[in-house]
Amino acid sequence: MKMTTTNMMDMFAEGKVLKICAPMVRYSKLAFRSLVRKFDCDICFTPMIVAPDFMRSVKARDSEFTTNEADRPLIVQFAASDAQTLADAACVVAPFSDGVDLNCGCPQRWAMSEGYGACLINKPELVKDMVRHVRNQVDNPNYTASIKIRIHKDLRRTVDLCQKAEAAGVSWITVHGRTAEERHQPVHFDAIKTIKDSLSVPVVANGDIKTLRDVETTHQLTGVDGVMAARGLLSNPAMFAGYNETPLECVWDWVDFATNQGTPFTCFHQHLIYMLERVSSQPERKVFNSLHSTAAVIDYLHNTYGSPDTQTVGLS
């Protein structure tokens, strides 16, 4: 299933602020990517895939990476700690995607203890080498090699990291505007702006994007070329299309995508729990969260909200 690669850099060059679905463990898989694409999402990321495991096992490759012809533009995000493994993984997925992204931002202890994620922001020479390996070994000039980072307390170190990556040929950089130690503190938009002003390659902002207005505000504050959302899209997959809450159409679209693609029940149900959280009452949530089968969920949705043609959840 080899597909034509989207020229991502042409997309950035068009000048509009690109709206991007973040890599989310367990959640940003094919069915969910199909859903957000229907509601004005420009680019989707896979969940983070551990590159050594991916290369070691065919079973892991089949489990972790699933796509189809409509699933484009697609960026495959890897966790890696050495350049050759990342480049090898990139070569495997390149025929079926538009770029790879190196995770340099995951703050979880397990990832950092393995040499993955946010610990890489302290290893600029290694990041530079990893970007260069991907660029040199993937035989497609339109294929992108990007990185997703968190910031340092000393922002000069972050700028230095980004400039080294730029010199190695990085295509674009996503900046989560918090340090590795910060979780729910306010995003440092001034830091993102400083990074954007220090680079020639496109920069994408990540952190606290919950509405379409947040996309516009973030762009105004930072001048970035794109904005990436995670939790905001989980609770409202139609957010990029301007809906303030999940519309019922989106709920039923999720049921269709998830059932057609064989999404496991736990994932299918959890997505709906996120989507309905803000549009249902506490008693309704208690009942819905206790459901244990796809049939029970579909019956509940019909009985509580009706079909997309008869009623609306959230903003119509």
Protein backbone atom coordinates (compact mmCIF):
# COMPACT_ATOMS: atom_id res chain seq x y z
CA MET A 1 0.00 0.00 0.00
CA LYS A 2 2.62 2.53 -1.03
CA MET A 3 1.15 6.03 -1.28
CA THR A 4 2.25 9.38 -2.64
CA THR A 5 3.86 11.54 0.00
CA THR A 6 2.22 14.85 0.82
CA ASN A 7 4.65 17.74 0.55
CA MET A 8 4.39 18.96 4.12
CA MET A 9 6.61 21.95 3.54
CA ASP A 10 4.24 23.18 0.83
CA MET A 11 1.46 23.01 3.41
CA PHE A 12 3.43 25.17 5.80
CA ALA A 13 4.35 27.55 2.97
CA GLU A 14 0.67 28.24 2.21
CA GLY A 15 0.64 30.58 5.19
CA LYS A 16 -2.43 29.32 7.06
CA VAL A 17 -2.05 28.12 10.64
CA LEU A 18 -2.05 24.33 10.41
CA LYS A 19 -4.22 22.44 12.90
CA ILE A 20 -2.57 19.28 14.14
CA CYS A 21 -3.66 16.28 16.23
CA ALA A 22 -0.98 15.42 18.77
CA PRO A 23 0.59 12.01 19.34
CA MET A 24 -1.37 10.47 22.23
CA VAL A 25 -0.57 7.07 23.70
CA ARG A 26 -3.56 4.71 23.22
CA TYR A 27 -5.71 7.45 21.70
CA SER A 28 -4.44 8.94 18.43
CA LYS A 29 -4.86 5.72 16.48
CA LEU A 30 -6.36 5.28 13.02
CA ALA A 31 -10.06 5.48 13.93
CA PHE A 32 -9.61 8.67 15.96
CA ARG A 33 -7.40 10.20 13.28
CA SER A 34 -10.15 9.44 10.75
CA LEU A 35 -12.62 11.26 12.99
CA VAL A 36 -10.65 14.46 13.57
CA ARG A 37 -9.73 14.68 9.88
CA LYS A 38 -13.45 14.97 9.11
CA PHE A 39 -13.56 18.04 11.37
CA ASP A 40 -10.82 20.22 9.83
CA CYS A 41 -7.68 18.65 11.31
CA ASP A 42 -4.87 19.22 8.80
CA ILE A 43 -2.22 16.78 10.05
CA CYS A 44 -2.33 13.78 12.39
CA PHE A 45 0.36 12.08 14.43
CA THR A 46 0.42 8.44 15.43
CA PRO A 47 0.88 7.63 19.10
CA MET A 48 4.53 7.50 20.16
CA ILE A 49 6.07 4.20 19.00
CA VAL A 50 9.21 2.83 20.68
CA ALA A 51 11.58 2.43 17.73
CA PRO A 52 13.72 -0.51 19.01
CA ASP A 53 10.60 -2.57 19.78
CA PHE A 54 9.12 -1.63 16.43
CA MET A 55 12.22 -2.84 14.59
CA ARG A 56 12.58 -5.99 16.68
CA SER A 57 9.14 -7.47 16.12
CA VAL A 58 6.78 -7.85 13.17
CA LYS A 59 3.97 -8.26 15.71
CA ALA A 60 4.85 -4.90 17.25
CA ARG A 61 4.89 -3.26 13.82
CA ASP A 62 1.47 -4.65 12.93
CA SER A 63 0.06 -3.65 16.31
CA GLU A 64 1.55 -0.17 16.63
CA PHE A 65 1.24 1.14 13.08
CA THR A 66 -2.05 0.91 11.20
CA THR A 67 -3.10 3.26 8.42
CA ASN A 68 -5.11 3.49 5.20
CA GLU A 69 -5.20 5.56 2.02
CA ALA A 70 -7.33 8.32 3.57
CA ASP A 71 -5.05 8.68 6.59
CA ARG A 72 -2.90 11.51 5.21
CA PRO A 73 -1.00 13.68 5.90
CA LEU A 74 0.40 11.37 8.58
CA ILE A 75 3.42 11.82 10.85
CA VAL A 76 4.77 8.75 12.66
CA GLN A 77 6.27 9.62 16.02
CA PHE A 78 9.07 7.49 17.44
CA ALA A 79 10.83 7.25 20.76
CA ALA A 80 14.47 6.46 20.07
CA SER A 81 17.86 6.89 21.69
CA ASP A 82 20.20 6.21 18.80
CA ALA A 83 20.36 7.55 15.27
CA GLN A 84 20.50 4.32 13.28
CA THR A 85 17.47 2.73 14.94
CA LEU A 86 15.43 5.85 14.28
CA ALA A 87 16.54 5.96 10.66
CA ASP A 88 15.76 2.26 10.19
CA ALA A 89 12.27 2.76 11.61
CA ALA A 90 11.75 5.79 9.40
CA CYS A 91 12.65 3.77 6.31
CA VAL A 92 10.04 1.13 7.24
CA VAL A 93 7.16 3.62 7.59
CA ALA A 94 8.21 6.10 4.90
CA PRO A 95 6.20 4.45 2.08
CA PHE A 96 3.02 4.80 4.15
CA SER A 97 3.42 8.23 5.77
CA ASP A 98 4.61 11.79 5.20
CA GLY A 99 7.23 12.19 7.89
CA VAL A 100 8.67 10.94 11.14
CA ASP A 101 8.91 12.85 14.38
CA LEU A 102 11.39 12.26 17.19
CA ASN A 103 9.85 12.50 20.65
CA CYS A 104 12.04 14.82 22.72
CA GLY A 105 9.30 15.87 25.10
CA CYS A 106 7.75 12.91 26.94
CA PRO A 107 8.36 13.60 30.66
CA GLN A 108 7.39 10.16 31.96
CA ARG A 109 10.04 8.53 34.09
CA TRP A 110 10.03 5.22 32.22
CA ALA A 111 10.75 7.00 28.94
CA MET A 112 13.53 9.15 30.33
CA SER A 113 15.12 6.16 32.11
CA GLU A 114 15.37 4.43 28.70
CA GLY A 115 17.00 7.48 27.13
CA TYR A 116 13.81 8.56 25.34
CA GLY A 117 11.61 11.63 25.47
CA ALA A 118 12.46 14.80 27.35
CA CYS A 119 15.96 13.68 28.35
CA LEU A 120 16.94 14.24 24.70
CA ILE A 121 16.57 18.02 25.03
CA ASN A 122 19.79 17.81 27.05
CA LYS A 123 21.59 15.95 24.24
CA PRO A 124 21.57 18.38 21.30
CA GLU A 125 24.42 16.64 19.44
CA LEU A 126 22.56 13.31 19.58
CA VAL A 127 19.34 14.93 18.35
CA LYS A 128 21.30 16.55 15.54
CA ASP A 129 22.77 13.17 14.56
CA MET A 130 19.36 11.49 14.65
CA VAL A 131 17.78 14.10 12.39
CA ARG A 132 20.69 13.88 9.96
CA HIS A 133 20.47 10.07 9.78
CA VAL A 134 16.78 10.19 8.87
CA ARG A 135 17.33 12.86 6.24
CA ASN A 136 20.22 10.94 4.70
CA GLN A 137 18.62 7.49 4.68
CA VAL A 138 14.99 8.04 3.67
CA ASP A 139 15.02 8.19 -0.11
CA ASN A 140 12.29 10.80 -0.54
CA PRO A 141 13.06 14.53 -0.65
CA ASN A 142 9.52 15.41 0.45
CA TYR A 143 9.63 13.21 3.54
CA THR A 144 9.95 15.26 6.73
CA ALA A 145 12.05 14.71 9.84
CA SER A 146 10.71 16.74 12.74
CA ILE A 147 11.16 16.87 16.50
CA LYS A 148 8.75 17.57 19.36
CA ILE A 149 10.39 19.15 22.39
CA ARG A 150 9.79 20.70 25.78
CA ILE A 151 11.66 23.80 26.88
CA HIS A 152 14.52 24.35 29.34
CA LYS A 153 14.36 26.74 32.26
CA ASP A 154 17.29 28.44 30.56
CA LEU A 155 15.70 29.15 27.19
CA ARG A 156 19.09 29.73 25.58
CA ARG A 157 19.65 25.97 25.78
CA THR A 158 16.37 25.33 23.95
CA VAL A 159 17.25 27.81 21.21
CA ASP A 160 20.67 26.18 20.86
CA LEU A 161 19.05 22.72 20.57
CA CYS A 162 16.63 23.96 17.91
CA GLN A 163 19.33 25.70 15.91
CA LYS A 164 21.49 22.57 15.95
CA ALA A 165 18.52 20.53 14.73
CA GLU A 166 17.88 23.13 12.03
CA ALA A 167 21.51 22.88 10.90
CA ALA A 168 21.09 19.09 10.66
CA GLY A 169 18.11 19.49 8.33
CA VAL A 170 15.11 19.27 10.64
CA SER A 171 11.95 20.02 8.68
CA TRP A 172 9.93 21.60 11.49
CA ILE A 173 9.79 21.68 15.29
CA THR A 174 6.87 21.33 17.69
CA VAL A 175 7.36 23.11 21.01
CA HIS A 176 5.37 22.12 24.07
CA GLY A 177 5.67 25.33 26.05
CA ARG A 178 6.49 23.76 29.41
CA THR A 179 9.61 22.31 31.00
CA ALA A 180 9.92 18.58 31.62
CA GLU A 181 9.06 19.21 35.28
CA GLU A 182 5.91 21.23 34.60
CA ARG A 183 2.53 19.54 34.16
CA HIS A 184 -0.45 21.88 34.50
CA GLN A 185 1.34 25.19 34.90
CA PRO A 186 0.54 27.88 32.31
CA VAL A 187 2.18 27.47 28.90
CA HIS A 188 5.15 29.77 28.29
CA PHE A 189 3.99 31.43 25.09
CA ASP A 190 6.84 33.93 25.29
CA ALA A 191 9.30 31.04 25.11
CA ILE A 192 7.58 29.61 22.03
CA LYS A 193 7.73 33.05 20.39
CA THR A 194 11.45 33.34 21.15
CA ILE A 195 12.09 29.96 19.56
CA LYS A 196 9.99 30.84 16.52
CA ASP A 197 11.89 34.12 16.09
CA SER A 198 15.23 32.26 16.30
CA LEU A 199 14.56 29.78 13.47
CA SER A 200 13.89 29.67 9.76
CA VAL A 201 12.05 26.32 9.78
CA PRO A 202 8.34 26.16 10.71
CA VAL A 203 7.44 25.99 14.40
CA VAL A 204 4.29 24.43 15.87
CA ALA A 205 2.96 25.35 19.33
CA ASN A 206 1.59 22.73 21.73
CA GLY A 207 -0.08 23.05 25.13
CA ASP A 208 -3.51 24.07 26.49
CA ILE A 209 -5.30 24.19 23.13
CA LYS A 210 -8.94 23.55 24.02
CA THR A 211 -10.94 25.63 21.52
CA LEU A 212 -10.56 27.09 18.05
CA ARG A 213 -10.18 30.48 19.73
CA ASP A 214 -7.13 29.10 21.57
CA VAL A 215 -5.64 28.25 18.17
CA GLU A 216 -6.07 31.84 17.04
CA THR A 217 -4.80 33.32 20.32
CA THR A 218 -1.72 31.10 20.32
CA HIS A 219 -0.89 32.13 16.78
CA GLN A 220 -1.28 35.80 17.67
CA LEU A 221 0.97 35.45 20.74
CA THR A 222 3.72 33.41 19.10
CA GLY A 223 3.59 33.76 15.32
CA VAL A 224 3.84 29.99 14.91
CA ASP A 225 3.04 28.12 11.70
CA GLY A 226 0.81 25.51 13.31
CA VAL A 227 -0.95 24.61 16.55
CA MET A 228 -1.17 21.10 18.02
CA ALA A 229 -3.90 19.88 20.36
CA ALA A 230 -4.16 16.76 22.51
CA ARG A 231 -6.63 16.74 25.40
CA GLY A 232 -8.74 19.42 23.74
CA LEU A 233 -9.36 17.09 20.80
CA LEU A 234 -10.06 14.14 23.06
CA SER A 235 -12.92 16.00 24.73
CA ASN A 236 -14.08 17.59 21.47
CA PRO A 237 -12.82 15.99 18.24
CA ALA A 238 -14.73 18.66 16.28
CA MET A 239 -12.87 21.50 18.01
CA PHE A 240 -10.86 22.53 14.93
CA ALA A 241 -14.11 22.93 12.99
CA GLY A 242 -15.27 25.58 15.46
CA TYR A 243 -17.58 23.55 17.70
CA ASN A 244 -17.46 24.52 21.37
CA GLU A 245 -18.66 21.10 22.47
CA THR A 246 -18.83 17.73 20.76
CA PRO A 247 -21.73 17.68 18.25
CA LEU A 248 -23.85 14.57 18.08
CA GLU A 249 -22.78 14.07 14.47
CA CYS A 250 -19.22 13.62 15.74
CA VAL A 251 -20.33 11.09 18.36
CA TRP A 252 -22.03 8.95 15.74
CA ASP A 253 -19.11 9.35 13.34
CA TRP A 254 -16.89 7.95 16.08
CA VAL A 255 -19.20 4.97 16.50
CA ASP A 256 -18.98 4.32 12.75
CA PHE A 257 -15.20 4.69 12.47
CA ALA A 258 -14.49 2.69 15.62
CA THR A 259 -16.79 -0.22 14.82
CA ASN A 260 -15.75 -0.41 11.17
CA GLN A 261 -12.07 -0.50 12.13
CA GLY A 262 -12.43 -2.96 14.99
CA THR A 263 -11.47 -0.63 17.85
CA PRO A 264 -11.23 -2.53 21.16
CA PHE A 265 -14.15 -1.77 23.48
CA THR A 266 -12.08 -0.10 26.20
CA CYS A 267 -10.69 2.44 23.73
CA PHE A 268 -14.06 2.88 21.98
CA HIS A 269 -15.79 3.55 25.31
CA GLN A 270 -13.08 5.78 26.75
CA HIS A 271 -13.17 8.12 23.76
CA LEU A 272 -16.91 8.53 24.23
CA ILE A 273 -16.46 9.19 27.95
CA TYR A 274 -14.17 12.09 27.02
CA MET A 275 -16.51 13.37 24.30
CA LEU A 276 -19.66 13.32 26.43
CA GLU A 277 -18.13 14.62 29.66
CA ARG A 278 -19.07 18.25 29.10
CA VAL A 279 -22.47 17.64 27.51
CA SER A 280 -23.95 15.13 29.95
CA SER A 281 -25.12 15.33 33.56
CA GLN A 282 -23.39 13.58 36.43
CA PRO A 283 -26.09 10.88 36.68
CA GLU A 284 -25.85 10.31 32.93
CA ARG A 285 -22.07 10.00 33.13
CA LYS A 286 -22.33 7.51 35.99
CA VAL A 287 -24.62 5.27 33.93
CA PHE A 288 -22.63 5.65 30.72
CA ASN A 289 -19.26 4.99 32.36
CA SER A 290 -20.56 1.71 33.78
CA LEU A 291 -21.51 0.23 30.38
CA HIS A 292 -19.58 -2.88 29.35
CA SER A 293 -20.37 -3.61 25.69
CA THR A 294 -20.50 -1.85 22.36
CA ALA A 295 -24.18 -2.79 21.94
CA ALA A 296 -25.03 -1.28 25.33
CA VAL A 297 -23.19 1.93 24.43
CA ILE A 298 -25.02 2.28 21.10
CA ASP A 299 -28.39 1.62 22.77
CA TYR A 300 -27.60 4.24 25.40
CA LEU A 301 -26.67 6.83 22.78
CA HIS A 302 -29.86 6.22 20.81
CA ASN A 303 -32.06 6.35 23.91
CA THR A 304 -30.38 9.42 25.43
CA TYR A 305 -29.51 11.59 22.44
CA GLY A 306 -31.36 10.19 19.47
CA SER A 307 -29.92 10.01 15.96
CA PRO A 308 -27.85 12.78 14.32
CA ASP A 309 -30.89 13.77 12.27
CA THR A 310 -33.17 14.44 15.23
CA GLN A 311 -31.14 16.12 17.95
CA THR A 312 -27.88 17.82 18.73
CA VAL A 313 -25.37 17.42 21.49
CA GLY A 314 -23.39 20.59 22.07
CA LEU A 315 -23.19 23.33 19.46
CA SER A 316 -25.34 22.73 16.36
